Amino acid sequence: MSGEERPAAAAQGAAASLVATLPRLRELHGRTVVVVAGDHVLADEKLRHAFCGDIAFLRFGGVRTVVVHDGGPHPPARAAGDPEALRRHVAGHVQRGLVGSLGDHTRLAVGITGEDGRTLVVRDGADIVVDTGVVRLFLDSGRIPVVSSIAYDARGGIRHLSAVDAAGALAAALRATLLLPAGAGGAPPVAAAVVDMALPHAVLRHLYRLDAGGEPGPGERLDA
C-alpha cells in the first residue's frame, strides 16, 4: 500500500466504525448512564484523557451521563483520621482535577458532592437514601454531574462512601445503566456492567459494543 493509500484507508476504516455505531447511538440517546471513575482513570493521565473523551462523546451523542468518584488510589496520609481533610481532598483536589480534564473535551461538566441538596444520606444500618433532584436538574440542563462520594449520615455528620456504593445508589434511583471499573472494591450490584478501565476508551468500547460485534454486554440495563 502506498503512502497516499494508507491515510485514505485509515479514514475509510474510521468512517466505517462511526457508521457501525449508529444503531447504538439511537438506542442510547436519552438514556441515563452512571459511570465510576476508578483508580486507573484517576491516577493515569493518558487513561483519564481517554475516559474524559468517552464521557464527552456520550454527552454529545445524547446520553445523560453521571460520573462518580472517590478519593483515588493515593489519598494523603493526613486524611486517614481526619474526615474534613479527606473531604477537602475528595471534593477539592480529586474532583477539580477530573472536572478540569473533562474541560479539555467539553465545558458541560459540573462538580457536586453527595452533600449538595442532600443527594446522598446514609441511614443507620448503612442504607443510602438518594434525592436525585440536584442531579436531575443538571442532567435536564445538559450538564454532566461529577459527583464526589461524600454523604451526610443520619446525624448530619460527614460520611465517605466508596464510589461503587454511591454510584450504585444513584443508578438505582435514576433507573440508569451502571458501569463500574474492574477490580473496584466491594460486591458490584447485579445490574452493573464491569469494564476494564485499564484499557483506553473502555466506556465507549463497552457501550457501543465495539469489541463484541454488536452483541449486548453483560449487565446492560437500557430500560431507563
C-alpha atoms as a PDB file:
ATOM      1  CA  MET A   1       0.000   0.000   0.000  1.00  0.00           C
ATOM      2  CA  SER A   2       1.385   3.385  -0.995  1.00  0.00           C
ATOM      3  CA  GLY A   3       1.879   6.320   1.341  1.00  0.00           C
ATOM      4  CA  GLU A   4      -1.160   8.049  -0.167  1.00  0.00           C
ATOM      5  CA  GLU A   5      -3.356   4.972   0.159  1.00  0.00           C
ATOM      6  CA  ARG A   6      -2.665   4.432   3.869  1.00  0.00           C
ATOM      7  CA  PRO A   7      -4.320   7.669   5.133  1.00  0.00           C
ATOM      8  CA  ALA A   8      -7.287   7.046   2.827  1.00  0.00           C
ATOM      9  CA  ALA A   9      -7.684   3.505   4.149  1.00  0.00           C
ATOM     10  CA  ALA A  10      -7.435   4.734   7.751  1.00  0.00           C
ATOM     11  CA  ALA A  11     -10.087   7.388   7.085  1.00  0.00           C
ATOM     12  CA  GLN A  12     -12.332   4.807   5.444  1.00  0.00           C
ATOM     13  CA  GLY A  13     -11.936   2.495   8.444  1.00  0.00           C
ATOM     14  CA  ALA A  14     -12.735   5.318  10.868  1.00  0.00           C
ATOM     15  CA  ALA A  15     -15.837   6.262   8.875  1.00  0.00           C
ATOM     16  CA  ALA A  16     -16.989   2.638   8.814  1.00  0.00           C
ATOM     17  CA  SER A  17     -16.572   2.432  12.601  1.00  0.00           C
ATOM     18  CA  LEU A  18     -18.669   5.565  13.077  1.00  0.00           C
ATOM     19  CA  VAL A  19     -21.438   4.212  10.847  1.00  0.00           C
ATOM     20  CA  ALA A  20     -21.355   0.927  12.785  1.00  0.00           C
ATOM     21  CA  THR A  21     -22.211   2.799  15.999  1.00  0.00           C
ATOM     22  CA  LEU A  22     -25.430   4.287  14.583  1.00  0.00           C
ATOM     23  CA  PRO A  23     -27.774   1.574  15.937  1.00  0.00           C
ATOM     24  CA  ARG A  24     -26.367   2.045  19.420  1.00  0.00           C
ATOM     25  CA  LEU A  25     -26.438   5.826  19.105  1.00  0.00           C
ATOM     26  CA  ARG A  26     -30.183   5.528  18.528  1.00  0.00           C
ATOM     27  CA  GLU A  27     -30.651   3.051  21.393  1.00  0.00           C
ATOM     28  CA  LEU A  28     -28.649   5.075  23.902  1.00  0.00           C
ATOM     29  CA  HIS A  29     -29.947   8.527  23.011  1.00  0.00           C
ATOM     30  CA  GLY A  30     -31.795   9.975  26.001  1.00  0.00           C
ATOM     31  CA  ARG A  31     -30.723   7.165  28.345  1.00  0.00           C
ATOM     32  CA  THR A  32     -29.033   7.799  31.682  1.00  0.00           C
ATOM     33  CA  VAL A  33     -25.677   6.184  32.452  1.00  0.00           C
ATOM     34  CA  VAL A  34     -23.786   6.341  35.763  1.00  0.00           C
ATOM     35  CA  VAL A  35     -20.047   5.700  35.380  1.00  0.00           C
ATOM     36  CA  VAL A  36     -17.453   5.264  38.132  1.00  0.00           C
ATOM     37  CA  ALA A  37     -14.091   6.895  37.506  1.00  0.00           C
ATOM     38  CA  GLY A  38     -11.871   4.263  39.103  1.00  0.00           C
ATOM     39  CA  ASP A  39      -8.272   4.294  40.238  1.00  0.00           C
ATOM     40  CA  HIS A  40      -6.832   3.771  36.762  1.00  0.00           C
ATOM     41  CA  VAL A  41      -8.644   6.847  35.483  1.00  0.00           C
ATOM     42  CA  LEU A  42      -7.761   8.985  38.492  1.00  0.00           C
ATOM     43  CA  ALA A  43      -4.090   8.009  38.592  1.00  0.00           C
ATOM     44  CA  ASP A  44      -3.060   7.752  34.933  1.00  0.00           C
ATOM     45  CA  GLU A  45      -3.088  10.879  32.761  1.00  0.00           C
ATOM     46  CA  LYS A  46      -3.498   9.055  29.448  1.00  0.00           C
ATOM     47  CA  LEU A  47      -6.331   6.862  30.717  1.00  0.00           C
ATOM     48  CA  ARG A  48      -8.023   9.881  32.300  1.00  0.00           C
ATOM     49  CA  HIS A  49      -7.799  11.762  28.999  1.00  0.00           C
ATOM     50  CA  ALA A  50      -9.344   8.809  27.128  1.00  0.00           C
ATOM     51  CA  PHE A  51     -12.056   8.403  29.785  1.00  0.00           C
ATOM     52  CA  CYS A  52     -12.985  12.076  29.649  1.00  0.00           C
ATOM     53  CA  GLY A  53     -13.145  11.904  25.858  1.00  0.00           C
ATOM     54  CA  ASP A  54     -15.574   8.992  26.208  1.00  0.00           C
ATOM     55  CA  ILE A  55     -17.772  10.956  28.620  1.00  0.00           C
ATOM     56  CA  ALA A  56     -17.846  13.946  26.263  1.00  0.00           C
ATOM     57  CA  PHE A  57     -18.736  11.666  23.334  1.00  0.00           C
ATOM     58  CA  LEU A  58     -21.640  10.225  25.323  1.00  0.00           C
ATOM     59  CA  ARG A  59     -22.931  13.694  26.164  1.00  0.00           C
ATOM     60  CA  PHE A  60     -22.800  14.893  22.558  1.00  0.00           C
ATOM     61  CA  GLY A  61     -24.368  11.583  21.499  1.00  0.00           C
ATOM     62  CA  GLY A  62     -27.397  12.366  23.646  1.00  0.00           C
ATOM     63  CA  VAL A  63     -26.601  10.187  26.687  1.00  0.00           C
ATOM     64  CA  ARG A  64     -27.364  11.668  30.100  1.00  0.00           C
ATOM     65  CA  THR A  65     -24.159  10.830  31.939  1.00  0.00           C
ATOM     66  CA  VAL A  66     -23.252  10.985  35.638  1.00  0.00           C
ATOM     67  CA  VAL A  67     -19.651  10.427  36.775  1.00  0.00           C
ATOM     68  CA  VAL A  68     -18.951   9.284  40.351  1.00  0.00           C
ATOM     69  CA  HIS A  69     -15.525   9.221  42.013  1.00  0.00           C
ATOM     70  CA  ASP A  70     -13.899   8.736  45.398  1.00  0.00           C
ATOM     71  CA  GLY A  71     -10.533   9.810  46.768  1.00  0.00           C
ATOM     72  CA  GLY A  72      -8.476   7.870  44.259  1.00  0.00           C
ATOM     73  CA  PRO A  73      -5.656   5.391  44.885  1.00  0.00           C
ATOM     74  CA  HIS A  74      -3.403   7.680  46.903  1.00  0.00           C
ATOM     75  CA  PRO A  75      -5.267   9.887  49.401  1.00  0.00           C
ATOM     76  CA  PRO A  76      -2.931  11.901  51.631  1.00  0.00           C
ATOM     77  CA  ALA A  77      -1.875  10.199  54.856  1.00  0.00           C
ATOM     78  CA  ARG A  78      -3.206  13.066  56.964  1.00  0.00           C
ATOM     79  CA  ALA A  79      -6.714  12.351  55.675  1.00  0.00           C
ATOM     80  CA  ALA A  80      -6.851   8.859  57.181  1.00  0.00           C
ATOM     81  CA  GLY A  81      -8.100  10.026  60.565  1.00  0.00           C
ATOM     82  CA  ASP A  82      -9.483  13.417  59.583  1.00  0.00           C
ATOM     83  CA  PRO A  83     -12.868  13.362  57.805  1.00  0.00           C
ATOM     84  CA  GLU A  84     -12.668  17.034  56.915  1.00  0.00           C
ATOM     85  CA  ALA A  85      -9.188  16.659  55.399  1.00  0.00           C
ATOM     86  CA  LEU A  86     -10.427  13.704  53.353  1.00  0.00           C
ATOM     87  CA  ARG A  87     -13.454  15.718  52.256  1.00  0.00           C
ATOM     88  CA  ARG A  88     -11.180  18.533  51.040  1.00  0.00           C
ATOM     89  CA  HIS A  89      -9.083  16.019  49.140  1.00  0.00           C
ATOM     90  CA  VAL A  90     -12.027  14.226  47.505  1.00  0.00           C
ATOM     91  CA  ALA A  91     -14.270  17.203  46.749  1.00  0.00           C
ATOM     92  CA  GLY A  92     -11.388  19.583  46.175  1.00  0.00           C
ATOM     93  CA  HIS A  93      -8.242  18.115  44.674  1.00  0.00           C
ATOM     94  CA  VAL A  94      -9.654  14.976  43.016  1.00  0.00           C
ATOM     95  CA  GLN A  95     -12.883  16.491  41.770  1.00  0.00           C
ATOM     96  CA  ARG A  96     -11.266  19.656  40.430  1.00  0.00           C
ATOM     97  CA  GLY A  97      -8.717  17.564  38.563  1.00  0.00           C
ATOM     98  CA  LEU A  98     -11.402  15.390  36.988  1.00  0.00           C
ATOM     99  CA  VAL A  99     -13.644  18.302  36.033  1.00  0.00           C
ATOM    100  CA  GLY A 100     -10.596  20.074  34.622  1.00  0.00           C
ATOM    101  CA  SER A 101      -9.730  17.040  32.483  1.00  0.00           C
ATOM    102  CA  LEU A 102     -13.310  16.874  31.237  1.00  0.00           C
ATOM    103  CA  GLY A 103     -12.928  20.554  30.379  1.00  0.00           C
ATOM    104  CA  ASP A 104     -10.385  19.571  27.729  1.00  0.00           C
ATOM    105  CA  HIS A 105     -13.281  17.941  25.855  1.00  0.00           C
ATOM    106  CA  THR A 106     -16.428  19.766  26.981  1.00  0.00           C
ATOM    107  CA  ARG A 107     -17.341  22.686  29.239  1.00  0.00           C
ATOM    108  CA  LEU A 108     -20.500  20.962  30.449  1.00  0.00           C
ATOM    109  CA  ALA A 109     -19.098  19.109  33.481  1.00  0.00           C
ATOM    110  CA  VAL A 110     -20.068  20.408  36.918  1.00  0.00           C
ATOM    111  CA  GLY A 111     -18.823  19.107  40.263  1.00  0.00           C
ATOM    112  CA  ILE A 112     -21.093  18.347  43.222  1.00  0.00           C
ATOM    113  CA  THR A 113     -20.893  16.158  46.316  1.00  0.00           C
ATOM    114  CA  GLY A 114     -23.474  13.889  47.883  1.00  0.00           C
ATOM    115  CA  GLU A 115     -23.968  16.634  50.459  1.00  0.00           C
ATOM    116  CA  ASP A 116     -25.334  19.086  47.889  1.00  0.00           C
ATOM    117  CA  GLY A 117     -29.117  19.057  48.059  1.00  0.00           C
ATOM    118  CA  ARG A 118     -28.746  16.103  50.448  1.00  0.00           C
ATOM    119  CA  THR A 119     -28.271  13.960  47.362  1.00  0.00           C
ATOM    120  CA  LEU A 120     -26.789  11.109  49.443  1.00  0.00           C
ATOM    121  CA  VAL A 121     -27.710  10.424  53.064  1.00  0.00           C
ATOM    122  CA  VAL A 122     -26.605   7.307  54.948  1.00  0.00           C
ATOM    123  CA  ARG A 123     -29.130   5.999  57.434  1.00  0.00           C
ATOM    124  CA  ASP A 124     -28.310   3.901  60.465  1.00  0.00           C
ATOM    125  CA  GLY A 125     -27.659   0.450  59.066  1.00  0.00           C
ATOM    126  CA  ALA A 126     -25.714   1.821  56.058  1.00  0.00           C
ATOM    127  CA  ASP A 127     -28.740   2.225  53.789  1.00  0.00           C
ATOM    128  CA  ILE A 128     -28.132   5.068  51.323  1.00  0.00           C
ATOM    129  CA  VAL A 129     -31.068   7.389  50.701  1.00  0.00           C
ATOM    130  CA  VAL A 130     -30.870   9.280  47.413  1.00  0.00           C
ATOM    131  CA  ASP A 131     -32.505  12.571  46.480  1.00  0.00           C
ATOM    132  CA  THR A 132     -31.999  12.897  42.723  1.00  0.00           C
ATOM    133  CA  GLY A 133     -33.247  16.493  42.482  1.00  0.00           C
ATOM    134  CA  VAL A 134     -29.904  18.255  42.039  1.00  0.00           C
ATOM    135  CA  VAL A 135     -28.528  15.578  39.706  1.00  0.00           C
ATOM    136  CA  ARG A 136     -31.657  15.636  37.532  1.00  0.00           C
ATOM    137  CA  LEU A 137     -31.556  19.432  37.442  1.00  0.00           C
ATOM    138  CA  PHE A 138     -28.077  19.321  35.940  1.00  0.00           C
ATOM    139  CA  LEU A 139     -28.915  16.462  33.580  1.00  0.00           C
ATOM    140  CA  ASP A 140     -32.029  18.256  32.340  1.00  0.00           C
ATOM    141  CA  SER A 141     -29.929  21.346  31.583  1.00  0.00           C
ATOM    142  CA  GLY A 142     -27.469  19.303  29.532  1.00  0.00           C
ATOM    143  CA  ARG A 143     -24.700  19.192  32.126  1.00  0.00           C
ATOM    144  CA  ILE A 144     -22.502  16.294  33.216  1.00  0.00           C
ATOM    145  CA  PRO A 145     -22.675  15.940  37.030  1.00  0.00           C
ATOM    146  CA  VAL A 146     -19.377  14.808  38.545  1.00  0.00           C
ATOM    147  CA  VAL A 147     -20.317  13.510  41.989  1.00  0.00           C
ATOM    148  CA  SER A 148     -17.863  13.111  44.859  1.00  0.00           C
ATOM    149  CA  SER A 149     -18.863  10.119  47.008  1.00  0.00           C
ATOM    150  CA  ILE A 150     -19.360  12.107  50.184  1.00  0.00           C
ATOM    151  CA  ALA A 151     -22.639  11.876  52.073  1.00  0.00           C
ATOM    152  CA  TYR A 152     -24.358  13.029  55.211  1.00  0.00           C
ATOM    153  CA  ASP A 153     -25.101  10.490  57.899  1.00  0.00           C
ATOM    154  CA  ALA A 154     -28.354  10.317  59.845  1.00  0.00           C
ATOM    155  CA  ARG A 155     -26.939  12.746  62.440  1.00  0.00           C
ATOM    156  CA  GLY A 156     -25.754  15.326  59.918  1.00  0.00           C
ATOM    157  CA  GLY A 157     -22.105  14.300  60.013  1.00  0.00           C
ATOM    158  CA  ILE A 158     -19.881  13.553  57.020  1.00  0.00           C
ATOM    159  CA  ARG A 159     -19.671  10.032  55.618  1.00  0.00           C
ATOM    160  CA  HIS A 160     -17.182   8.945  52.970  1.00  0.00           C
ATOM    161  CA  LEU A 161     -18.625   6.287  50.701  1.00  0.00           C
ATOM    162  CA  SER A 162     -16.939   4.078  48.170  1.00  0.00           C
ATOM    163  CA  ALA A 163     -17.561   5.262  44.630  1.00  0.00           C
ATOM    164  CA  VAL A 164     -19.174   1.881  43.889  1.00  0.00           C
ATOM    165  CA  ASP A 165     -21.718   2.239  46.710  1.00  0.00           C
ATOM    166  CA  ALA A 166     -22.523   5.847  45.811  1.00  0.00           C
ATOM    167  CA  ALA A 167     -22.846   5.081  42.103  1.00  0.00           C
ATOM    168  CA  GLY A 168     -24.987   2.014  42.751  1.00  0.00           C
ATOM    169  CA  ALA A 169     -27.420   4.029  44.852  1.00  0.00           C
ATOM    170  CA  LEU A 170     -27.565   6.829  42.277  1.00  0.00           C
ATOM    171  CA  ALA A 171     -28.051   4.431  39.371  1.00  0.00           C
ATOM    172  CA  ALA A 172     -30.906   2.660  41.154  1.00  0.00           C
ATOM    173  CA  ALA A 173     -32.639   5.955  41.956  1.00  0.00           C
ATOM    174  CA  LEU A 174     -32.163   7.274  38.409  1.00  0.00           C
ATOM    175  CA  ARG A 175     -33.051   3.919  36.802  1.00  0.00           C
ATOM    176  CA  ALA A 176     -29.770   4.198  34.957  1.00  0.00           C
ATOM    177  CA  THR A 177     -27.247   1.876  33.377  1.00  0.00           C
ATOM    178  CA  LEU A 178     -24.299   1.425  35.778  1.00  0.00           C
ATOM    179  CA  LEU A 179     -20.692   0.982  34.622  1.00  0.00           C
ATOM    180  CA  LEU A 180     -18.053   0.003  37.173  1.00  0.00           C
ATOM    181  CA  PRO A 181     -14.294  -0.439  36.771  1.00  0.00           C
ATOM    182  CA  ALA A 182     -12.920  -3.944  37.075  1.00  0.00           C
ATOM    183  CA  GLY A 183     -11.250  -4.512  40.427  1.00  0.00           C
ATOM    184  CA  ALA A 184     -13.308  -1.954  42.313  1.00  0.00           C
ATOM    185  CA  GLY A 185     -13.801  -2.799  45.977  1.00  0.00           C
ATOM    186  CA  GLY A 186     -16.984  -4.355  47.257  1.00  0.00           C
ATOM    187  CA  ALA A 187     -19.584  -6.510  45.531  1.00  0.00           C
ATOM    188  CA  PRO A 188     -20.992  -4.807  42.426  1.00  0.00           C
ATOM    189  CA  PRO A 189     -24.775  -4.577  42.095  1.00  0.00           C
ATOM    190  CA  VAL A 190     -26.274  -7.365  39.999  1.00  0.00           C
ATOM    191  CA  ALA A 191     -27.380  -4.953  37.270  1.00  0.00           C
ATOM    192  CA  ALA A 192     -23.936  -3.362  36.896  1.00  0.00           C
ATOM    193  CA  ALA A 193     -21.618  -3.856  33.946  1.00  0.00           C
ATOM    194  CA  VAL A 194     -17.948  -4.218  34.882  1.00  0.00           C
ATOM    195  CA  VAL A 195     -15.423  -2.909  32.362  1.00  0.00           C
ATOM    196  CA  ASP A 196     -11.628  -2.925  32.309  1.00  0.00           C
ATOM    197  CA  MET A 197     -10.743   0.752  32.596  1.00  0.00           C
ATOM    198  CA  ALA A 198      -7.061  -0.071  32.356  1.00  0.00           C
ATOM    199  CA  LEU A 199      -7.814  -0.087  28.608  1.00  0.00           C
ATOM    200  CA  PRO A 200      -8.253   3.274  26.842  1.00  0.00           C
ATOM    201  CA  HIS A 201     -11.810   4.142  25.816  1.00  0.00           C
ATOM    202  CA  ALA A 202     -13.264   1.258  27.826  1.00  0.00           C
ATOM    203  CA  VAL A 203     -16.555   3.116  28.304  1.00  0.00           C
ATOM    204  CA  LEU A 204     -17.200   3.607  24.598  1.00  0.00           C
ATOM    205  CA  ARG A 205     -15.886   0.155  23.742  1.00  0.00           C
ATOM    206  CA  HIS A 206     -18.462  -1.354  26.094  1.00  0.00           C
ATOM    207  CA  LEU A 207     -21.491   0.842  25.479  1.00  0.00           C
ATOM    208  CA  TYR A 208     -21.127   0.869  21.704  1.00  0.00           C
ATOM    209  CA  ARG A 209     -20.169  -2.828  21.608  1.00  0.00           C
ATOM    210  CA  LEU A 210     -17.002  -2.139  19.698  1.00  0.00           C
ATOM    211  CA  ASP A 211     -15.369  -5.329  20.999  1.00  0.00           C
ATOM    212  CA  ALA A 212     -18.396  -7.609  20.821  1.00  0.00           C
ATOM    213  CA  GLY A 213     -19.652  -7.387  17.268  1.00  0.00           C
ATOM    214  CA  GLY A 214     -22.810  -5.601  18.341  1.00  0.00           C
ATOM    215  CA  GLU A 215     -23.850  -8.129  20.992  1.00  0.00           C
ATOM    216  CA  PRO A 216     -25.278  -6.823  24.295  1.00  0.00           C
ATOM    217  CA  GLY A 217     -22.725  -6.519  27.082  1.00  0.00           C
ATOM    218  CA  PRO A 218     -23.165  -8.284  30.449  1.00  0.00           C
ATOM    219  CA  GLY A 219     -25.229  -6.412  32.960  1.00  0.00           C
ATOM    220  CA  GLU A 220     -26.541  -3.884  30.445  1.00  0.00           C
ATOM    221  CA  ARG A 221     -29.747  -2.262  31.511  1.00  0.00           C
ATOM    222  CA  LEU A 222     -31.364   0.034  28.986  1.00  0.00           C
ATOM    223  CA  ASP A 223     -34.905   0.155  30.348  1.00  0.00           C
ATOM    224  CA  ALA A 224     -34.485   3.628  31.887  1.00  0.00           C
END
